[in-house]
Amino acid sequence: MTGMHIGYDLSFTHTEGAWARQGSWSGTDFPDIRMYMELARTAERAGVGMLFFGDGSGIPSTWRGSIEPAVEWGIQWPRHDMSPVIAAMSTVTERIGFGLTYSSTFMHPFYVARLLNSLDHVTNGRIAFNVVASTRGADAANYGFNQLMDHGLRYERMEEFVAVCRALWDSVAPDAIVRDRSTGRFADPSKVHPIDHEGKFFTVKGPLASVPSPQHHPLVVQAGNSPRGITASARLADLVFGFGGSLAGQQRHRDLLDQALRCEGRDPARVGILWATQVIVGRTTAEALARRDSVHEFWNEEAVATYLSHNAGYDFSTLPESFRLAELRDEILAANASPAGLVGSLVAELGENHTMSRGEFFAHGRGHATGLDHSIVGDPDTVADALQDNFAATGARGGYMFSCPAAMPSGFGEISELLLPELRRRGALAPAYPGATLRENLAV
């Protein structure tokens, strides 16, 4: 059994009102790169394994077909390509890793493989690729799609996408570069090969016109909670990003992933899950609860509805006054949107035949959008106790990807300064940076 690995999810540190809360940056704001450079230094001092950036390229527009609510209230917007930010953060750190997200549904594998190779050089072996199958209509429209790709096809495309990336990273052997100064010979051509890939989704000649990077293969991270998504994780992921929520749901995910890994001939003990976990910590429980309340105050009904519709890829303004959860789930599936998240949680908790009113749905949705219905809130001892219990109950392989809805940077600052030292004092954390690369440092 290894200790917990810790990542910080920085995807939404500047949205949903975090920029305005007490303890937020003073005199600067997103996308000032100095914010992230300072945070990277602080997180590395605390021994955090990875700073993670999710991504989305469209302004949320699913709710009532309009971007106006998302723009007005800053819901999952703005979003920048964080690859330049990661490059800057790497210059002020030495050990901490960086996770970058690109969509296999919309992007091309040659471009992504080349970019990640370059970033792995810039960071000296500290890059992870979070590959996602996109479910958001706003993103699809920016890449020329007028509807979402079928759920199963998205994962087929993802698997081929990652296979092409890995073939490209292998197309120049690690020892191909000779750099013989006496003869001027740069590389051995017998160790550089086209990949000649012709698949269902991509045709790629190769080879990659790049020098092999320190990790050779950047770490591949994938989150998939559906049966098809878990199958994809077992086939391609080095590390899995799992959704928190209920303990029963986490245990189900771990069990299904273990079964799928065995079917692929892989050892489940070597594939960890970082559980997405929202944490609000204070020096006292009262202080933590006050921070929680400040988050709750931001969310009005329009902000909640915009968030829910965007992340499901389904316009919840069309809900009738009363409906069965199974009917809603099936409608979302028929639209090739995502039945995970709130709807999946409600089905698991209440059963697919449960009848729910529109008002009840949005009441549940408020807790889901804020994350406060599944946050761990308290002083360092309380939060550490909850994490240790959960880690043991979910297989003790992997760790946690912390998000924090409190102000940026104070919310993550309290995690670094209060919670992580307590977990380390208890011997609950994995050793900080035992290796030279991110792959070595996040090994279970």
Protein backbone atom coordinates (compact mmCIF):
# COMPACT_ATOMS: atom_id res chain seq x y z
CA MET A 1 0.00 0.00 0.00
CA THR A 2 1.31 3.43 -0.95
CA GLY A 3 0.31 6.77 0.44
CA MET A 4 -1.98 9.30 -1.18
CA HIS A 5 -0.85 11.25 -4.21
CA ILE A 6 -2.24 14.79 -4.37
CA GLY A 7 -3.09 16.97 -7.34
CA TYR A 8 -4.67 20.41 -7.49
CA ASP A 9 -7.41 21.01 -10.05
CA LEU A 10 -6.94 24.62 -11.17
CA SER A 11 -9.52 24.51 -13.96
CA PHE A 12 -11.98 26.93 -12.35
CA THR A 13 -9.99 29.01 -9.91
CA HIS A 14 -11.13 32.23 -11.60
CA THR A 15 -14.79 31.42 -12.43
CA GLU A 16 -18.08 31.06 -10.54
CA GLY A 17 -17.30 34.06 -8.35
CA ALA A 18 -13.98 32.80 -6.93
CA TRP A 19 -12.28 35.91 -8.27
CA ALA A 20 -14.41 38.14 -5.99
CA ARG A 21 -14.42 36.29 -2.68
CA GLN A 22 -12.55 37.37 0.41
CA GLY A 23 -9.01 36.09 0.10
CA SER A 24 -8.82 36.45 -3.67
CA TRP A 25 -5.93 38.04 -5.51
CA SER A 26 -5.47 41.74 -4.91
CA GLY A 27 -4.08 43.89 -7.69
CA THR A 28 -4.10 41.12 -10.30
CA ASP A 29 -6.52 38.68 -11.85
CA PHE A 30 -6.81 35.93 -14.45
CA PRO A 31 -4.99 35.45 -16.80
CA ASP A 32 -1.99 37.14 -15.14
CA ILE A 33 0.68 34.48 -15.30
CA ARG A 34 2.25 35.63 -12.04
CA MET A 35 -0.75 34.19 -10.20
CA TYR A 36 0.01 30.71 -11.44
CA MET A 37 3.76 30.97 -10.97
CA GLU A 38 3.25 31.91 -7.32
CA LEU A 39 0.74 29.12 -6.80
CA ALA A 40 3.09 26.58 -8.41
CA ARG A 41 5.91 27.51 -6.03
CA THR A 42 3.59 27.24 -3.02
CA ALA A 43 2.22 23.87 -4.13
CA GLU A 44 5.68 22.45 -4.76
CA ARG A 45 6.81 23.44 -1.27
CA ALA A 46 3.82 21.45 0.03
CA GLY A 47 4.79 18.39 -2.03
CA VAL A 48 1.80 18.44 -4.42
CA GLY A 49 2.30 15.94 -7.23
CA MET A 50 0.51 17.67 -10.09
CA LEU A 51 -1.25 20.88 -11.05
CA PHE A 52 -4.12 19.99 -13.35
CA PHE A 53 -6.01 22.02 -15.92
CA GLY A 54 -9.24 20.82 -17.46
CA ASP A 55 -10.39 22.59 -20.58
CA GLY A 56 -13.34 23.63 -22.68
CA SER A 57 -13.20 25.76 -25.80
CA GLY A 58 -16.78 27.00 -25.96
CA ILE A 59 -18.71 29.49 -23.86
CA PRO A 60 -21.58 27.61 -22.17
CA SER A 61 -24.68 28.07 -24.32
CA THR A 62 -26.78 24.95 -23.73
CA TRP A 63 -29.18 26.60 -21.26
CA ARG A 64 -31.85 28.25 -23.45
CA GLY A 65 -29.39 28.34 -26.36
CA SER A 66 -27.64 31.49 -25.15
CA ILE A 67 -24.17 32.45 -23.95
CA GLU A 68 -25.49 35.45 -22.03
CA PRO A 69 -25.90 33.85 -18.56
CA ALA A 70 -22.42 32.29 -18.70
CA VAL A 71 -20.86 35.58 -19.78
CA GLU A 72 -22.76 37.64 -17.20
CA TRP A 73 -21.97 35.39 -14.22
CA GLY A 74 -18.64 33.91 -15.33
CA ILE A 75 -19.84 30.30 -15.42
CA GLN A 76 -17.02 28.05 -16.67
CA TRP A 77 -15.78 31.04 -18.65
CA PRO A 78 -13.29 32.41 -19.59
CA ARG A 79 -11.04 29.49 -20.54
CA HIS A 80 -7.59 29.90 -22.06
CA ASP A 81 -5.22 27.33 -23.53
CA MET A 82 -3.01 26.69 -20.51
CA SER A 83 0.02 25.23 -22.29
CA PRO A 84 1.92 28.57 -22.21
CA VAL A 85 1.00 28.97 -18.53
CA ILE A 86 2.38 25.51 -17.76
CA ALA A 87 5.62 26.40 -19.56
CA ALA A 88 5.96 29.50 -17.38
CA MET A 89 5.18 27.62 -14.15
CA SER A 90 7.82 25.04 -15.00
CA THR A 91 10.52 27.73 -15.00
CA VAL A 92 9.99 28.50 -11.30
CA THR A 93 9.66 24.88 -10.13
CA GLU A 94 11.72 21.70 -10.38
CA ARG A 95 9.58 18.72 -9.32
CA ILE A 96 5.85 19.36 -9.49
CA GLY A 97 4.04 17.99 -12.55
CA PHE A 98 1.44 19.51 -14.86
CA GLY A 99 -1.68 18.01 -16.40
CA LEU A 100 -2.97 19.48 -19.67
CA THR A 101 -6.30 18.62 -21.30
CA TYR A 102 -7.08 18.22 -24.99
CA SER A 103 -10.12 16.70 -26.64
CA SER A 104 -9.69 13.58 -28.74
CA THR A 105 -13.14 14.30 -30.15
CA PHE A 106 -12.02 17.50 -31.89
CA MET A 107 -8.22 17.65 -32.00
CA HIS A 108 -5.74 15.84 -34.24
CA PRO A 109 -3.27 13.40 -32.64
CA PHE A 110 -0.23 14.56 -34.60
CA TYR A 111 -0.61 18.11 -33.32
CA VAL A 112 -1.20 17.00 -29.73
CA ALA A 113 1.64 14.43 -29.72
CA ARG A 114 4.06 17.07 -31.00
CA LEU A 115 2.91 19.70 -28.51
CA LEU A 116 3.13 17.34 -25.53
CA ASN A 117 6.57 16.17 -26.61
CA SER A 118 7.69 19.79 -26.66
CA LEU A 119 6.18 20.53 -23.25
CA ASP A 120 7.77 17.42 -21.81
CA HIS A 121 11.13 18.85 -22.89
CA VAL A 122 10.33 22.31 -21.49
CA THR A 123 9.29 20.84 -18.12
CA ASN A 124 12.03 18.20 -18.08
CA GLY A 125 9.64 15.27 -17.92
CA ARG A 126 6.74 16.65 -15.91
CA ILE A 127 3.81 16.55 -18.36
CA ALA A 128 0.58 14.53 -18.21
CA PHE A 129 -1.98 14.43 -21.02
CA ASN A 130 -5.58 14.40 -19.82
CA VAL A 131 -7.48 13.05 -22.82
CA VAL A 132 -11.21 13.72 -22.90
CA ALA A 133 -14.20 12.67 -25.00
CA SER A 134 -16.15 15.90 -25.35
CA THR A 135 -19.86 16.12 -24.55
CA ARG A 136 -20.48 19.86 -24.75
CA GLY A 137 -22.35 21.40 -27.63
CA ALA A 138 -20.60 24.77 -27.26
CA ASP A 139 -17.24 23.10 -27.87
CA ALA A 140 -18.51 21.01 -30.79
CA ALA A 141 -19.85 24.09 -32.59
CA ASN A 142 -16.40 25.71 -32.54
CA TYR A 143 -14.94 22.73 -34.40
CA GLY A 144 -17.60 22.59 -37.10
CA PHE A 145 -19.91 19.97 -35.57
CA ASN A 146 -23.64 20.71 -35.52
CA GLN A 147 -24.34 17.81 -33.18
CA LEU A 148 -22.48 15.69 -30.66
CA MET A 149 -20.72 12.55 -31.78
CA ASP A 150 -22.25 9.27 -30.62
CA HIS A 151 -21.11 8.27 -27.12
CA GLY A 152 -19.52 4.99 -28.21
CA LEU A 153 -17.80 6.57 -31.23
CA ARG A 154 -16.25 9.22 -29.01
CA TYR A 155 -14.46 6.54 -27.05
CA GLU A 156 -13.44 4.63 -30.18
CA ARG A 157 -11.91 7.83 -31.49
CA MET A 158 -10.19 8.43 -28.15
CA GLU A 159 -8.58 4.99 -28.15
CA GLU A 160 -7.30 5.43 -31.70
CA PHE A 161 -6.15 8.97 -30.87
CA VAL A 162 -3.99 7.79 -27.96
CA ALA A 163 -2.68 4.84 -29.98
CA VAL A 164 -1.53 7.26 -32.70
CA CYS A 165 0.12 9.55 -30.13
CA ARG A 166 2.01 6.64 -28.63
CA ALA A 167 3.08 5.37 -32.05
CA LEU A 168 4.38 8.84 -32.88
CA TRP A 169 6.27 9.07 -29.59
CA ASP A 170 7.80 5.67 -30.42
CA SER A 171 8.61 6.62 -34.03
CA VAL A 172 11.93 8.11 -32.94
CA ALA A 173 13.69 5.61 -30.69
CA PRO A 174 15.11 6.88 -27.38
CA ASP A 175 18.66 6.15 -28.56
CA ALA A 176 18.18 7.46 -32.12
CA ILE A 177 19.95 10.75 -31.42
CA VAL A 178 23.73 10.22 -31.52
CA ARG A 179 25.09 13.80 -31.83
CA ASP A 180 28.56 12.66 -32.87
CA ARG A 181 30.61 15.86 -32.90
CA SER A 182 33.59 14.20 -34.55
CA THR A 183 31.61 13.25 -37.67
CA GLY A 184 28.68 15.64 -37.54
CA ARG A 185 26.25 12.71 -37.57
CA PHE A 186 23.14 13.78 -35.68
CA ALA A 187 20.95 10.66 -35.58
CA ASP A 188 20.70 7.03 -36.69
CA PRO A 189 18.12 6.82 -39.53
CA SER A 190 17.51 3.13 -38.83
CA LYS A 191 15.85 4.19 -35.56
CA VAL A 192 13.44 6.74 -37.03
CA HIS A 193 10.36 5.24 -38.72
CA PRO A 194 7.05 6.35 -40.22
CA ILE A 195 4.03 4.94 -38.45
CA ASP A 196 1.84 4.68 -41.60
CA HIS A 197 -1.33 4.71 -39.55
CA GLU A 198 -4.60 4.26 -41.42
CA GLY A 199 -7.51 3.90 -39.05
CA LYS A 200 -11.21 4.59 -38.74
CA PHE A 201 -10.70 8.21 -37.71
CA PHE A 202 -7.13 9.19 -38.59
CA THR A 203 -4.54 8.74 -41.31
CA VAL A 204 -1.07 9.71 -40.12
CA LYS A 205 2.21 9.11 -41.95
CA GLY A 206 4.73 10.03 -39.28
CA PRO A 207 7.33 9.89 -37.89
CA LEU A 208 7.19 12.64 -35.30
CA ALA A 209 9.72 15.28 -36.28
CA SER A 210 10.93 15.70 -32.70
CA VAL A 211 13.65 14.55 -30.36
CA PRO A 212 12.35 11.96 -27.83
CA SER A 213 11.27 13.68 -24.62
CA PRO A 214 12.43 12.90 -21.07
CA GLN A 215 9.39 10.68 -20.32
CA HIS A 216 9.24 9.47 -23.94
CA HIS A 217 5.52 8.90 -23.33
CA PRO A 218 3.92 11.72 -21.31
CA LEU A 219 1.67 10.28 -18.61
CA VAL A 220 -1.86 9.65 -19.98
CA VAL A 221 -4.76 10.52 -17.66
CA GLN A 222 -8.38 9.73 -18.48
CA ALA A 223 -11.71 10.13 -16.72
CA GLY A 224 -14.57 7.89 -17.70
CA ASN A 225 -17.37 6.83 -15.38
CA SER A 226 -19.68 5.08 -17.84
CA PRO A 227 -19.07 1.40 -18.67
CA ARG A 228 -17.58 2.43 -22.03
CA GLY A 229 -15.48 5.11 -20.39
CA ILE A 230 -14.11 2.65 -17.84
CA THR A 231 -13.20 0.24 -20.65
CA ALA A 232 -11.28 3.06 -22.33
CA SER A 233 -9.48 3.82 -19.05
CA ALA A 234 -8.37 0.21 -18.78
CA ARG A 235 -7.04 0.25 -22.34
CA LEU A 236 -5.16 3.53 -22.42
CA ALA A 237 -4.78 5.33 -19.07
CA ASP A 238 -1.66 5.39 -16.93
CA LEU A 239 -3.66 7.18 -14.24
CA VAL A 240 -7.42 7.58 -13.86
CA PHE A 241 -9.24 10.75 -12.83
CA GLY A 242 -12.27 9.56 -10.87
CA PHE A 243 -15.33 11.46 -9.75
CA GLY A 244 -16.00 11.69 -6.04
CA GLY A 245 -19.46 11.95 -4.57
CA SER A 246 -20.69 8.84 -2.79
CA LEU A 247 -18.43 6.15 -1.40
CA ALA A 248 -20.59 3.50 -3.08
CA GLY A 249 -20.02 5.18 -6.45
CA GLN A 250 -16.27 5.31 -5.90
CA GLN A 251 -16.15 1.65 -4.89
CA ARG A 252 -18.19 0.71 -7.94
CA HIS A 253 -15.79 2.63 -10.19
CA ARG A 254 -12.75 0.99 -8.60
CA ASP A 255 -14.26 -2.51 -8.89
CA LEU A 256 -15.30 -2.06 -12.52
CA LEU A 257 -11.93 -0.58 -13.42
CA ASP A 258 -10.10 -3.48 -11.78
CA GLN A 259 -12.20 -5.97 -13.75
CA ALA A 260 -11.57 -4.09 -17.00
CA LEU A 261 -7.82 -3.88 -16.31
CA ARG A 262 -7.62 -7.64 -15.79
CA CYS A 263 -9.45 -8.18 -19.09
CA GLU A 264 -6.76 -6.06 -20.76
CA GLY A 265 -3.99 -8.05 -19.08
CA ARG A 266 -3.00 -5.16 -16.82
CA ASP A 267 -2.27 -5.22 -13.10
CA PRO A 268 -4.93 -3.22 -11.17
CA ALA A 269 -2.44 -2.59 -8.39
CA ARG A 270 -0.42 -0.40 -10.76
CA VAL A 271 -3.21 1.90 -11.94
CA GLY A 272 -4.29 4.51 -9.43
CA ILE A 273 -7.36 6.71 -9.32
CA LEU A 274 -7.13 10.36 -8.29
CA TRP A 275 -10.57 11.11 -6.89
CA ALA A 276 -11.96 14.55 -7.72
CA THR A 277 -12.62 15.97 -4.26
CA GLN A 278 -13.71 19.44 -3.27
CA VAL A 279 -12.15 20.61 -0.02
CA ILE A 280 -12.67 23.70 2.10
CA VAL A 281 -10.34 23.77 5.08
CA GLY A 282 -9.92 26.34 7.83
CA ARG A 283 -7.94 26.66 11.01
CA THR A 284 -11.20 25.89 12.79
CA THR A 285 -14.39 24.21 11.63
CA ALA A 286 -16.24 27.50 12.08
CA GLU A 287 -13.80 29.24 9.74
CA ALA A 288 -14.24 26.51 7.12
CA LEU A 289 -18.04 26.68 7.37
CA ALA A 290 -17.95 30.45 6.89
CA ARG A 291 -15.98 29.95 3.67
CA ARG A 292 -18.51 27.37 2.53
CA ASP A 293 -21.34 29.82 3.12
CA SER A 294 -19.57 32.49 1.04
CA VAL A 295 -19.52 30.07 -1.89
CA HIS A 296 -23.21 29.26 -1.53
CA GLU A 297 -24.17 32.92 -1.63
CA PHE A 298 -22.84 33.42 -5.17
CA TRP A 299 -25.04 30.89 -6.96
CA ASN A 300 -28.32 32.27 -8.29
CA GLU A 301 -30.83 30.11 -10.19
CA GLU A 302 -29.61 31.15 -13.62
CA ALA A 303 -25.99 30.39 -12.76
CA VAL A 304 -26.98 26.92 -11.48
CA ALA A 305 -29.03 26.12 -14.59
CA THR A 306 -26.26 27.34 -16.91
CA TYR A 307 -23.69 25.16 -15.16
CA LEU A 308 -25.87 22.03 -15.14
CA SER A 309 -26.93 22.29 -18.79
CA HIS A 310 -23.41 22.98 -20.03
CA ASN A 311 -21.82 20.06 -18.22
CA ALA A 312 -24.51 17.60 -19.23
CA GLY A 313 -24.71 18.89 -22.81
CA TYR A 314 -28.50 18.97 -22.37
CA ASP A 315 -30.82 21.98 -22.03
CA PHE A 316 -32.62 21.52 -18.72
CA SER A 317 -34.92 24.44 -19.49
CA THR A 318 -36.98 21.86 -21.43
CA LEU A 319 -37.78 19.83 -18.31
CA PRO A 320 -41.49 19.20 -17.69
CA GLU A 321 -43.01 19.94 -14.30
CA SER A 322 -42.70 16.25 -13.35
CA PHE A 323 -40.70 13.36 -14.83
CA ARG A 324 -39.14 9.98 -14.09
CA LEU A 325 -35.37 9.96 -13.76
CA ALA A 326 -35.13 7.10 -16.26
CA GLU A 327 -36.95 9.18 -18.85
CA LEU A 328 -34.56 12.09 -18.37
CA ARG A 329 -31.52 9.84 -18.49
CA ASP A 330 -32.73 8.21 -21.73
CA GLU A 331 -33.43 11.59 -23.35
CA ILE A 332 -29.91 12.74 -22.50
CA LEU A 333 -28.45 9.54 -23.95
CA ALA A 334 -30.52 9.96 -27.11
CA ALA A 335 -29.02 13.42 -27.54
CA ASN A 336 -25.49 11.92 -27.22
CA ALA A 337 -25.00 14.11 -24.16
CA SER A 338 -23.66 12.96 -20.78
CA PRO A 339 -25.94 11.13 -18.32
CA ALA A 340 -23.22 11.18 -15.69
CA GLY A 341 -22.90 14.01 -13.19
CA LEU A 342 -26.10 15.12 -11.49
CA VAL A 343 -28.51 12.86 -13.38
CA GLY A 344 -26.32 9.79 -12.86
CA SER A 345 -26.00 10.59 -9.17
CA LEU A 346 -29.75 10.97 -8.77
CA VAL A 347 -30.42 7.67 -10.54
CA ALA A 348 -27.89 5.90 -8.30
CA GLU A 349 -29.31 7.49 -5.14
CA LEU A 350 -33.06 7.43 -5.81
CA GLY A 351 -33.53 4.81 -8.52
CA GLU A 352 -34.42 5.22 -12.17
CA ASN A 353 -38.16 5.00 -11.52
CA HIS A 354 -38.18 7.86 -9.04
CA THR A 355 -40.51 10.68 -10.08
CA MET A 356 -39.11 14.15 -9.50
CA SER A 357 -40.50 17.64 -9.92
CA ARG A 358 -38.67 20.31 -11.85
CA GLY A 359 -38.22 22.30 -8.64
CA GLU A 360 -36.70 19.34 -6.82
CA PHE A 361 -34.29 18.75 -9.69
CA PHE A 362 -32.91 22.27 -9.55
CA ALA A 363 -32.73 22.13 -5.75
CA HIS A 364 -30.49 19.08 -6.07
CA GLY A 365 -28.72 20.85 -8.91
CA ARG A 366 -27.68 23.73 -6.70
CA GLY A 367 -25.75 21.39 -4.44
CA HIS A 368 -24.19 19.70 -7.46
CA ALA A 369 -23.18 22.94 -9.20
CA THR A 370 -21.59 24.37 -6.08
CA GLY A 371 -20.07 21.02 -5.16
CA LEU A 372 -21.14 21.71 -1.59
CA ASP A 373 -23.28 18.57 -1.45
CA HIS A 374 -20.14 16.45 -1.67
CA SER A 375 -17.43 18.72 -0.25
CA ILE A 376 -15.25 17.89 2.72
CA VAL A 377 -15.38 20.92 5.01
CA GLY A 378 -13.64 21.41 8.33
CA ASP A 379 -10.42 21.90 10.23
CA PRO A 380 -7.29 19.96 9.21
CA ASP A 381 -7.96 17.03 11.59
CA THR A 382 -11.55 16.60 10.42
CA VAL A 383 -10.67 16.69 6.73
CA ALA A 384 -7.63 14.43 7.16
CA ASP A 385 -9.73 11.85 9.05
CA ALA A 386 -12.32 11.81 6.25
CA LEU A 387 -9.67 11.43 3.54
CA GLN A 388 -7.86 8.58 5.31
CA ASP A 389 -11.11 6.69 5.81
CA ASN A 390 -12.10 7.20 2.18
CA PHE A 391 -8.66 6.25 0.84
CA ALA A 392 -8.73 2.92 2.69
CA ALA A 393 -12.32 2.22 1.60
CA THR A 394 -11.58 2.85 -2.09
CA GLY A 395 -8.55 0.60 -2.44
CA ALA A 396 -5.64 2.80 -1.34
CA ARG A 397 -4.33 3.18 -4.89
CA GLY A 398 -4.00 6.71 -6.19
CA GLY A 399 -5.12 9.66 -4.15
CA TYR A 400 -7.01 12.93 -4.61
CA MET A 401 -7.41 15.73 -7.10
CA PHE A 402 -8.40 18.63 -4.90
CA SER A 403 -10.54 21.48 -6.09
CA CYS A 404 -11.52 24.40 -3.89
CA PRO A 405 -14.40 26.80 -4.56
CA ALA A 406 -13.14 29.32 -2.04
CA ALA A 407 -11.15 32.35 -3.13
CA MET A 408 -8.04 31.98 -5.26
CA PRO A 409 -5.32 31.69 -3.96
CA SER A 410 -6.27 31.52 -0.28
CA GLY A 411 -8.36 28.35 -0.68
CA PHE A 412 -5.48 26.32 -2.08
CA GLY A 413 -3.09 28.11 0.24
CA GLU A 414 -4.95 26.72 3.25
CA ILE A 415 -4.83 23.21 1.78
CA SER A 416 -1.07 23.55 1.27
CA GLU A 417 -0.37 25.13 4.65
CA LEU A 418 -2.87 23.33 6.90
CA LEU A 419 -4.13 20.07 5.42
CA LEU A 420 -1.11 18.61 3.63
CA PRO A 421 1.24 19.06 6.60
CA GLU A 422 -1.29 17.23 8.79
CA LEU A 423 -1.58 14.35 6.29
CA ARG A 424 2.21 14.17 6.01
CA ARG A 425 2.57 14.17 9.80
CA ARG A 426 0.27 11.14 9.89
CA GLY A 427 2.30 9.33 7.22
CA ALA A 428 -0.73 9.33 4.90
CA LEU A 429 0.94 10.91 1.86
CA ALA A 430 3.13 9.25 -0.73
CA PRO A 431 6.78 10.41 -0.64
CA ALA A 432 7.19 13.80 -2.28
CA TYR A 433 9.04 13.60 -5.60
CA PRO A 434 10.97 10.34 -5.27
CA GLY A 435 11.85 10.33 -8.98
CA ALA A 436 12.93 12.68 -11.73
CA THR A 437 9.77 12.54 -13.85
CA LEU A 438 6.05 12.89 -13.24
CA ARG A 439 5.54 9.25 -14.23
CA GLU A 440 7.92 8.18 -11.47
CA ASN A 441 6.48 10.57 -8.91
CA LEU A 442 2.84 9.47 -9.38
CA ALA A 443 3.54 5.73 -9.51
CA VAL A 444 1.32 3.70 -7.18
